Amino acid sequence: MLESSDPLDTDEPEVSAIGQLISSVEREVRKRTSGQIRGLQITTDGDEIVIFGTTLNYYSRQLATHAALDTPGVVPEKLRNEIEVL
C-alpha cells in the first residue's frame, strides 16, 4: 500500500465525502421536486449544507427541504434552505 508523503493529502477523503454528500442531496432534491427548483445549487457554508435556487411555490421549497433531510448524512440542524419563492 502506498502512502502519501504530502501532508496536504490528509483532507482528501473529507473533501470527497462532502462532495458526495452534496451530489446526493442535489440528486434527491431534483428527483423529489421534479425539476421545479430553477438554478438549484447545493453548497456548504462552514459545516452547514445550503440549498439555493428559485421556485414558484412554497410547496416545492418544502419538498426540497424534506428531500435533503431524507438524504443519509444530512443533519437537520446543519441544513439551510435559501430557495427563493417568486
PDB file of N, CA and C in Angstrom:
ATOM      1  N   MET A   1       0.845  -1.171   0.000  1.00  0.00           N
ATOM      2  CA  MET A   1       0.000   0.000   0.000  1.00  0.00           C
ATOM      3  C   MET A   1       0.890   1.233   0.000  1.00  0.00           C
ATOM      4  N   LEU A   2       0.610   2.178  -0.900  1.00  0.00           N
ATOM      5  CA  LEU A   2       1.381   3.397  -0.998  1.00  0.00           C
ATOM      6  C   LEU A   2       0.825   4.449  -0.063  1.00  0.00           C
ATOM      7  N   GLU A   3       1.727   5.121   0.604  1.00  0.00           N
ATOM      8  CA  GLU A   3       1.313   6.199   1.479  1.00  0.00           C
ATOM      9  C   GLU A   3       1.808   7.511   0.915  1.00  0.00           C
ATOM     10  N   SER A   4       1.009   8.528   1.028  1.00  0.00           N
ATOM     11  CA  SER A   4       1.384   9.834   0.522  1.00  0.00           C
ATOM     12  C   SER A   4       2.285  10.526   1.531  1.00  0.00           C
ATOM     13  N   SER A   5       3.330  11.177   1.041  1.00  0.00           N
ATOM     14  CA  SER A   5       4.214  11.927   1.922  1.00  0.00           C
ATOM     15  C   SER A   5       3.784  13.383   2.014  1.00  0.00           C
ATOM     16  N   ASP A   6       2.772  13.765   1.250  1.00  0.00           N
ATOM     17  CA  ASP A   6       2.283  15.132   1.251  1.00  0.00           C
ATOM     18  C   ASP A   6       1.286  15.314   2.386  1.00  0.00           C
ATOM     19  N   PRO A   7       1.586  16.173   3.361  1.00  0.00           N
ATOM     20  CA  PRO A   7       0.659  16.358   4.483  1.00  0.00           C
ATOM     21  C   PRO A   7      -0.667  16.978   4.072  1.00  0.00           C
ATOM     22  N   LEU A   8      -0.726  17.632   2.911  1.00  0.00           N
ATOM     23  CA  LEU A   8      -1.976  18.234   2.456  1.00  0.00           C
ATOM     24  C   LEU A   8      -2.977  17.198   1.979  1.00  0.00           C
ATOM     25  N   ASP A   9      -2.542  15.975   1.706  1.00  0.00           N
ATOM     26  CA  ASP A   9      -3.432  14.925   1.234  1.00  0.00           C
ATOM     27  C   ASP A   9      -4.348  14.382   2.329  1.00  0.00           C
ATOM     28  N   THR A  10      -4.146  14.767   3.566  1.00  0.00           N
ATOM     29  CA  THR A  10      -4.947  14.212   4.658  1.00  0.00           C
ATOM     30  C   THR A  10      -6.401  14.650   4.593  1.00  0.00           C
ATOM     31  N   ASP A  11      -6.697  15.777   3.947  1.00  0.00           N
ATOM     32  CA  ASP A  11      -8.073  16.266   3.864  1.00  0.00           C
ATOM     33  C   ASP A  11      -8.835  15.686   2.681  1.00  0.00           C
ATOM     34  N   GLU A  12      -8.159  14.987   1.800  1.00  0.00           N
ATOM     35  CA  GLU A  12      -8.804  14.496   0.587  1.00  0.00           C
ATOM     36  C   GLU A  12     -10.033  13.625   0.855  1.00  0.00           C
ATOM     37  N   PRO A  13     -10.001  12.650   1.755  1.00  0.00           N
ATOM     38  CA  PRO A  13     -11.210  11.852   1.997  1.00  0.00           C
ATOM     39  C   PRO A  13     -12.368  12.696   2.504  1.00  0.00           C
ATOM     40  N   GLU A  14     -12.093  13.701   3.351  1.00  0.00           N
ATOM     41  CA  GLU A  14     -13.159  14.557   3.872  1.00  0.00           C
ATOM     42  C   GLU A  14     -13.781  15.379   2.745  1.00  0.00           C
ATOM     43  N   VAL A  15     -12.956  15.948   1.882  1.00  0.00           N
ATOM     44  CA  VAL A  15     -13.458  16.734   0.755  1.00  0.00           C
ATOM     45  C   VAL A  15     -14.283  15.848  -0.152  1.00  0.00           C
ATOM     46  N   SER A  16     -13.809  14.654  -0.405  1.00  0.00           N
ATOM     47  CA  SER A  16     -14.537  13.714  -1.250  1.00  0.00           C
ATOM     48  C   SER A  16     -15.883  13.350  -0.626  1.00  0.00           C
ATOM     49  N   ALA A  17     -15.913  13.142   0.671  1.00  0.00           N
ATOM     50  CA  ALA A  17     -17.158  12.796   1.359  1.00  0.00           C
ATOM     51  C   ALA A  17     -18.151  13.949   1.289  1.00  0.00           C
ATOM     52  N   ILE A  18     -17.677  15.172   1.444  1.00  0.00           N
ATOM     53  CA  ILE A  18     -18.553  16.334   1.354  1.00  0.00           C
ATOM     54  C   ILE A  18     -19.085  16.470  -0.063  1.00  0.00           C
ATOM     55  N   GLY A  19     -18.224  16.265  -1.047  1.00  0.00           N
ATOM     56  CA  GLY A  19     -18.655  16.321  -2.444  1.00  0.00           C
ATOM     57  C   GLY A  19     -19.707  15.277  -2.754  1.00  0.00           C
ATOM     58  N   GLN A  20     -19.530  14.083  -2.220  1.00  0.00           N
ATOM     59  CA  GLN A  20     -20.512  13.018  -2.427  1.00  0.00           C
ATOM     60  C   GLN A  20     -21.838  13.353  -1.747  1.00  0.00           C
ATOM     61  N   LEU A  21     -21.760  13.938  -0.564  1.00  0.00           N
ATOM     62  CA  LEU A  21     -22.981  14.320   0.154  1.00  0.00           C
ATOM     63  C   LEU A  21     -23.730  15.405  -0.616  1.00  0.00           C
ATOM     64  N   ILE A  22     -23.017  16.399  -1.114  1.00  0.00           N
ATOM     65  CA  ILE A  22     -23.643  17.464  -1.904  1.00  0.00           C
ATOM     66  C   ILE A  22     -24.300  16.884  -3.150  1.00  0.00           C
ATOM     67  N   SER A  23     -23.615  15.981  -3.826  1.00  0.00           N
ATOM     68  CA  SER A  23     -24.184  15.339  -5.024  1.00  0.00           C
ATOM     69  C   SER A  23     -25.442  14.547  -4.686  1.00  0.00           C
ATOM     70  N   SER A  24     -25.407  13.845  -3.564  1.00  0.00           N
ATOM     71  CA  SER A  24     -26.574  13.062  -3.142  1.00  0.00           C
ATOM     72  C   SER A  24     -27.755  13.960  -2.815  1.00  0.00           C
ATOM     73  N   VAL A  25     -27.501  15.057  -2.126  1.00  0.00           N
ATOM     74  CA  VAL A  25     -28.568  15.995  -1.785  1.00  0.00           C
ATOM     75  C   VAL A  25     -29.153  16.584  -3.068  1.00  0.00           C
ATOM     76  N   GLU A  26     -28.293  16.997  -3.991  1.00  0.00           N
ATOM     77  CA  GLU A  26     -28.782  17.579  -5.240  1.00  0.00           C
ATOM     78  C   GLU A  26     -29.633  16.584  -6.025  1.00  0.00           C
ATOM     79  N   ARG A  27     -29.171  15.350  -6.091  1.00  0.00           N
ATOM     80  CA  ARG A  27     -29.924  14.307  -6.808  1.00  0.00           C
ATOM     81  C   ARG A  27     -31.304  14.101  -6.174  1.00  0.00           C
ATOM     82  N   GLU A  28     -31.365  14.025  -4.854  1.00  0.00           N
ATOM     83  CA  GLU A  28     -32.634  13.819  -4.151  1.00  0.00           C
ATOM     84  C   GLU A  28     -33.581  15.004  -4.337  1.00  0.00           C
ATOM     85  N   VAL A  29     -33.039  16.216  -4.238  1.00  0.00           N
ATOM     86  CA  VAL A  29     -33.879  17.404  -4.398  1.00  0.00           C
ATOM     87  C   VAL A  29     -34.436  17.466  -5.811  1.00  0.00           C
ATOM     88  N   ARG A  30     -33.603  17.225  -6.814  1.00  0.00           N
ATOM     89  CA  ARG A  30     -34.077  17.247  -8.209  1.00  0.00           C
ATOM     90  C   ARG A  30     -35.171  16.198  -8.435  1.00  0.00           C
ATOM     91  N   LYS A  31     -34.932  15.007  -7.881  1.00  0.00           N
ATOM     92  CA  LYS A  31     -35.905  13.922  -8.059  1.00  0.00           C
ATOM     93  C   LYS A  31     -37.229  14.252  -7.373  1.00  0.00           C
ATOM     94  N   ARG A  32     -37.171  14.697  -6.131  1.00  0.00           N
ATOM     95  CA  ARG A  32     -38.383  14.932  -5.341  1.00  0.00           C
ATOM     96  C   ARG A  32     -39.180  16.126  -5.841  1.00  0.00           C
ATOM     97  N   THR A  33     -38.488  17.148  -6.369  1.00  0.00           N
ATOM     98  CA  THR A  33     -39.191  18.353  -6.806  1.00  0.00           C
ATOM     99  C   THR A  33     -39.495  18.335  -8.303  1.00  0.00           C
ATOM    100  N   SER A  34     -39.137  17.275  -8.983  1.00  0.00           N
ATOM    101  CA  SER A  34     -39.389  17.136 -10.426  1.00  0.00           C
ATOM    102  C   SER A  34     -38.892  18.344 -11.219  1.00  0.00           C
ATOM    103  N   GLY A  35     -37.753  18.873 -10.816  1.00  0.00           N
ATOM    104  CA  GLY A  35     -37.155  19.985 -11.545  1.00  0.00           C
ATOM    105  C   GLY A  35     -37.835  21.324 -11.328  1.00  0.00           C
ATOM    106  N   GLN A  36     -38.643  21.468 -10.288  1.00  0.00           N
ATOM    107  CA  GLN A  36     -39.359  22.721 -10.044  1.00  0.00           C
ATOM    108  C   GLN A  36     -38.488  23.797  -9.394  1.00  0.00           C
ATOM    109  N   ILE A  37     -37.260  23.440  -9.019  1.00  0.00           N
ATOM    110  CA  ILE A  37     -36.344  24.423  -8.445  1.00  0.00           C
ATOM    111  C   ILE A  37     -35.394  24.864  -9.556  1.00  0.00           C
ATOM    112  N   ARG A  38     -35.510  26.109  -9.956  1.00  0.00           N
ATOM    113  CA  ARG A  38     -34.644  26.640 -11.019  1.00  0.00           C
ATOM    114  C   ARG A  38     -33.334  27.136 -10.414  1.00  0.00           C
ATOM    115  N   GLY A  39     -32.257  26.886 -11.134  1.00  0.00           N
ATOM    116  CA  GLY A  39     -30.946  27.333 -10.661  1.00  0.00           C
ATOM    117  C   GLY A  39     -30.516  26.650  -9.388  1.00  0.00           C
ATOM    118  N   LEU A  40     -30.906  25.399  -9.215  1.00  0.00           N
ATOM    119  CA  LEU A  40     -30.590  24.661  -7.987  1.00  0.00           C
ATOM    120  C   LEU A  40     -29.087  24.569  -7.781  1.00  0.00           C
ATOM    121  N   GLN A  41     -28.657  24.965  -6.598  1.00  0.00           N
ATOM    122  CA  GLN A  41     -27.261  24.827  -6.196  1.00  0.00           C
ATOM    123  C   GLN A  41     -27.222  24.361  -4.754  1.00  0.00           C
ATOM    124  N   ILE A  42     -26.379  23.384  -4.503  1.00  0.00           N
ATOM    125  CA  ILE A  42     -26.158  22.899  -3.143  1.00  0.00           C
ATOM    126  C   ILE A  42     -24.709  23.237  -2.814  1.00  0.00           C
ATOM    127  N   THR A  43     -24.507  23.976  -1.735  1.00  0.00           N
ATOM    128  CA  THR A  43     -23.157  24.369  -1.338  1.00  0.00           C
ATOM    129  C   THR A  43     -22.974  24.123   0.161  1.00  0.00           C
ATOM    130  N   THR A  44     -21.796  24.440   0.626  1.00  0.00           N
ATOM    131  CA  THR A  44     -21.547  24.389   2.063  1.00  0.00           C
ATOM    132  C   THR A  44     -21.164  25.780   2.544  1.00  0.00           C
ATOM    133  N   ASP A  45     -21.491  26.044   3.781  1.00  0.00           N
ATOM    134  CA  ASP A  45     -21.100  27.278   4.458  1.00  0.00           C
ATOM    135  C   ASP A  45     -20.656  26.856   5.843  1.00  0.00           C
ATOM    136  N   GLY A  46     -19.358  26.732   5.999  1.00  0.00           N
ATOM    137  CA  GLY A  46     -18.838  26.167   7.245  1.00  0.00           C
ATOM    138  C   GLY A  46     -19.241  24.710   7.322  1.00  0.00           C
ATOM    139  N   ASP A  47     -19.981  24.345   8.354  1.00  0.00           N
ATOM    140  CA  ASP A  47     -20.428  22.958   8.488  1.00  0.00           C
ATOM    141  C   ASP A  47     -21.890  22.781   8.075  1.00  0.00           C
ATOM    142  N   GLU A  48     -22.475  23.812   7.457  1.00  0.00           N
ATOM    143  CA  GLU A  48     -23.865  23.727   7.005  1.00  0.00           C
ATOM    144  C   GLU A  48     -23.951  23.368   5.525  1.00  0.00           C
ATOM    145  N   ILE A  49     -25.024  22.700   5.168  1.00  0.00           N
ATOM    146  CA  ILE A  49     -25.366  22.469   3.766  1.00  0.00           C
ATOM    147  C   ILE A  49     -26.440  23.486   3.421  1.00  0.00           C
ATOM    148  N   VAL A  50     -26.241  24.208   2.318  1.00  0.00           N
ATOM    149  CA  VAL A  50     -27.146  25.282   1.940  1.00  0.00           C
ATOM    150  C   VAL A  50     -27.733  24.985   0.559  1.00  0.00           C
ATOM    151  N   ILE A  51     -29.056  25.126   0.454  1.00  0.00           N
ATOM    152  CA  ILE A  51     -29.759  24.909  -0.807  1.00  0.00           C
ATOM    153  C   ILE A  51     -30.168  26.275  -1.360  1.00  0.00           C
ATOM    154  N   PHE A  52     -29.781  26.550  -2.610  1.00  0.00           N
ATOM    155  CA  PHE A  52     -30.133  27.788  -3.287  1.00  0.00           C
ATOM    156  C   PHE A  52     -30.931  27.477  -4.545  1.00  0.00           C
ATOM    157  N   GLY A  53     -31.729  28.428  -4.981  1.00  0.00           N
ATOM    158  CA  GLY A  53     -32.478  28.319  -6.214  1.00  0.00           C
ATOM    159  C   GLY A  53     -33.737  29.160  -6.109  1.00  0.00           C
ATOM    160  N   THR A  54     -34.590  29.045  -7.119  1.00  0.00           N
ATOM    161  CA  THR A  54     -35.871  29.745  -7.096  1.00  0.00           C
ATOM    162  C   THR A  54     -36.977  28.781  -7.487  1.00  0.00           C
ATOM    163  N   THR A  55     -38.171  29.065  -7.003  1.00  0.00           N
ATOM    164  CA  THR A  55     -39.336  28.255  -7.339  1.00  0.00           C
ATOM    165  C   THR A  55     -40.576  29.144  -7.298  1.00  0.00           C
ATOM    166  N   LEU A  56     -41.664  28.631  -7.791  1.00  0.00           N
ATOM    167  CA  LEU A  56     -42.889  29.414  -7.860  1.00  0.00           C
ATOM    168  C   LEU A  56     -43.809  29.209  -6.660  1.00  0.00           C
ATOM    169  N   ASN A  57     -43.494  28.219  -5.788  1.00  0.00           N
ATOM    170  CA  ASN A  57     -44.396  27.987  -4.657  1.00  0.00           C
ATOM    171  C   ASN A  57     -43.661  27.428  -3.442  1.00  0.00           C
ATOM    172  N   TYR A  58     -44.283  27.643  -2.305  1.00  0.00           N
ATOM    173  CA  TYR A  58     -43.688  27.189  -1.046  1.00  0.00           C
ATOM    174  C   TYR A  58     -43.694  25.661  -0.921  1.00  0.00           C
ATOM    175  N   TYR A  59     -44.619  25.024  -1.600  1.00  0.00           N
ATOM    176  CA  TYR A  59     -44.673  23.565  -1.565  1.00  0.00           C
ATOM    177  C   TYR A  59     -43.380  22.959  -2.117  1.00  0.00           C
ATOM    178  N   SER A  60     -42.911  23.464  -3.248  1.00  0.00           N
ATOM    179  CA  SER A  60     -41.670  22.955  -3.835  1.00  0.00           C
ATOM    180  C   SER A  60     -40.478  23.238  -2.931  1.00  0.00           C
ATOM    181  N   ARG A  61     -40.488  24.401  -2.288  1.00  0.00           N
ATOM    182  CA  ARG A  61     -39.412  24.744  -1.355  1.00  0.00           C
ATOM    183  C   ARG A  61     -39.386  23.741  -0.197  1.00  0.00           C
ATOM    184  N   GLN A  62     -40.564  23.414   0.316  1.00  0.00           N
ATOM    185  CA  GLN A  62     -40.660  22.454   1.416  1.00  0.00           C
ATOM    186  C   GLN A  62     -40.262  21.052   0.963  1.00  0.00           C
ATOM    187  N   LEU A  63     -40.644  20.674  -0.259  1.00  0.00           N
ATOM    188  CA  LEU A  63     -40.228  19.372  -0.794  1.00  0.00           C
ATOM    189  C   LEU A  63     -38.706  19.274  -0.851  1.00  0.00           C
ATOM    190  N   ALA A  64     -38.068  20.369  -1.236  1.00  0.00           N
ATOM    191  CA  ALA A  64     -36.605  20.384  -1.307  1.00  0.00           C
ATOM    192  C   ALA A  64     -35.991  20.152   0.074  1.00  0.00           C
ATOM    193  N   THR A  65     -36.568  20.783   1.084  1.00  0.00           N
ATOM    194  CA  THR A  65     -36.078  20.592   2.452  1.00  0.00           C
ATOM    195  C   THR A  65     -36.210  19.134   2.873  1.00  0.00           C
ATOM    196  N   HIS A  66     -37.364  18.551   2.644  1.00  0.00           N
ATOM    197  CA  HIS A  66     -37.586  17.157   3.050  1.00  0.00           C
ATOM    198  C   HIS A  66     -36.707  16.195   2.260  1.00  0.00           C
ATOM    199  N   ALA A  67     -36.485  16.474   0.992  1.00  0.00           N
ATOM    200  CA  ALA A  67     -35.599  15.623   0.185  1.00  0.00           C
ATOM    201  C   ALA A  67     -34.185  15.666   0.741  1.00  0.00           C
ATOM    202  N   ALA A  68     -33.719  16.856   1.085  1.00  0.00           N
ATOM    203  CA  ALA A  68     -32.374  16.982   1.650  1.00  0.00           C
ATOM    204  C   ALA A  68     -32.283  16.261   2.990  1.00  0.00           C
ATOM    205  N   LEU A  69     -33.296  16.427   3.827  1.00  0.00           N
ATOM    206  CA  LEU A  69     -33.276  15.781   5.148  1.00  0.00           C
ATOM    207  C   LEU A  69     -33.342  14.263   5.055  1.00  0.00           C
ATOM    208  N   ASP A  70     -33.940  13.749   4.001  1.00  0.00           N
ATOM    209  CA  ASP A  70     -34.023  12.299   3.809  1.00  0.00           C
ATOM    210  C   ASP A  70     -32.746  11.710   3.222  1.00  0.00           C
ATOM    211  N   THR A  71     -31.799  12.570   2.859  1.00  0.00           N
ATOM    212  CA  THR A  71     -30.520  12.107   2.323  1.00  0.00           C
ATOM    213  C   THR A  71     -29.639  11.657   3.482  1.00  0.00           C
ATOM    214  N   PRO A  72     -29.136  10.414   3.451  1.00  0.00           N
ATOM    215  CA  PRO A  72     -28.264   9.946   4.537  1.00  0.00           C
ATOM    216  C   PRO A  72     -27.060  10.868   4.722  1.00  0.00           C
ATOM    217  N   GLY A  73     -26.808  11.221   5.966  1.00  0.00           N
ATOM    218  CA  GLY A  73     -25.667  12.067   6.291  1.00  0.00           C
ATOM    219  C   GLY A  73     -26.030  13.520   6.539  1.00  0.00           C
ATOM    220  N   VAL A  74     -27.263  13.912   6.227  1.00  0.00           N
ATOM    221  CA  VAL A  74     -27.691  15.298   6.449  1.00  0.00           C
ATOM    222  C   VAL A  74     -28.298  15.420   7.839  1.00  0.00           C
ATOM    223  N   VAL A  75     -27.798  16.373   8.591  1.00  0.00           N
ATOM    224  CA  VAL A  75     -28.268  16.631   9.944  1.00  0.00           C
ATOM    225  C   VAL A  75     -29.204  17.843   9.893  1.00  0.00           C
ATOM    226  N   PRO A  76     -30.418  17.734  10.435  1.00  0.00           N
ATOM    227  CA  PRO A  76     -31.383  18.836  10.344  1.00  0.00           C
ATOM    228  C   PRO A  76     -30.841  20.191  10.806  1.00  0.00           C
ATOM    229  N   GLU A  77     -30.070  20.195  11.873  1.00  0.00           N
ATOM    230  CA  GLU A  77     -29.533  21.449  12.416  1.00  0.00           C
ATOM    231  C   GLU A  77     -28.483  22.070  11.506  1.00  0.00           C
ATOM    232  N   LYS A  78     -27.973  21.303  10.549  1.00  0.00           N
ATOM    233  CA  LYS A  78     -26.910  21.776   9.662  1.00  0.00           C
ATOM    234  C   LYS A  78     -27.411  21.996   8.245  1.00  0.00           C
ATOM    235  N   LEU A  79     -28.724  22.118   8.059  1.00  0.00           N
ATOM    236  CA  LEU A  79     -29.306  22.336   6.739  1.00  0.00           C
ATOM    237  C   LEU A  79     -29.971  23.704   6.706  1.00  0.00           C
ATOM    238  N   ARG A  80     -29.680  24.471   5.663  1.00  0.00           N
ATOM    239  CA  ARG A  80     -30.285  25.789   5.493  1.00  0.00           C
ATOM    240  C   ARG A  80     -30.885  25.881   4.097  1.00  0.00           C
ATOM    241  N   ASN A  81     -32.161  26.196   4.024  1.00  0.00           N
ATOM    242  CA  ASN A  81     -32.853  26.316   2.746  1.00  0.00           C
ATOM    243  C   ASN A  81     -32.966  27.795   2.396  1.00  0.00           C
ATOM    244  N   GLU A  82     -32.267  28.194   1.352  1.00  0.00           N
ATOM    245  CA  GLU A  82     -32.276  29.588   0.888  1.00  0.00           C
ATOM    246  C   GLU A  82     -32.998  29.697  -0.447  1.00  0.00           C
ATOM    247  N   ILE A  83     -33.866  28.747  -0.755  1.00  0.00           N
ATOM    248  CA  ILE A  83     -34.617  28.801  -2.015  1.00  0.00           C
ATOM    249  C   ILE A  83     -35.605  29.967  -1.932  1.00  0.00           C
ATOM    250  N   GLU A  84     -35.576  30.791  -2.974  1.00  0.00           N
ATOM    251  CA  GLU A  84     -36.457  31.963  -3.033  1.00  0.00           C
ATOM    252  C   GLU A  84     -37.757  31.589  -3.750  1.00  0.00           C
ATOM    253  N   VAL A  85     -38.877  31.944  -3.154  1.00  0.00           N
ATOM    254  CA  VAL A  85     -40.186  31.733  -3.785  1.00  0.00           C
ATOM    255  C   VAL A  85     -40.559  33.022  -4.495  1.00  0.00           C
ATOM    256  N   LEU A  86     -40.784  32.913  -5.792  1.00  0.00           N
ATOM    257  CA  LEU A  86     -41.097  34.104  -6.605  1.00  0.00           C
ATOM    258  C   LEU A  86     -42.578  34.418  -6.594  1.00  0.00           C
TER     259      LEU A  86
END
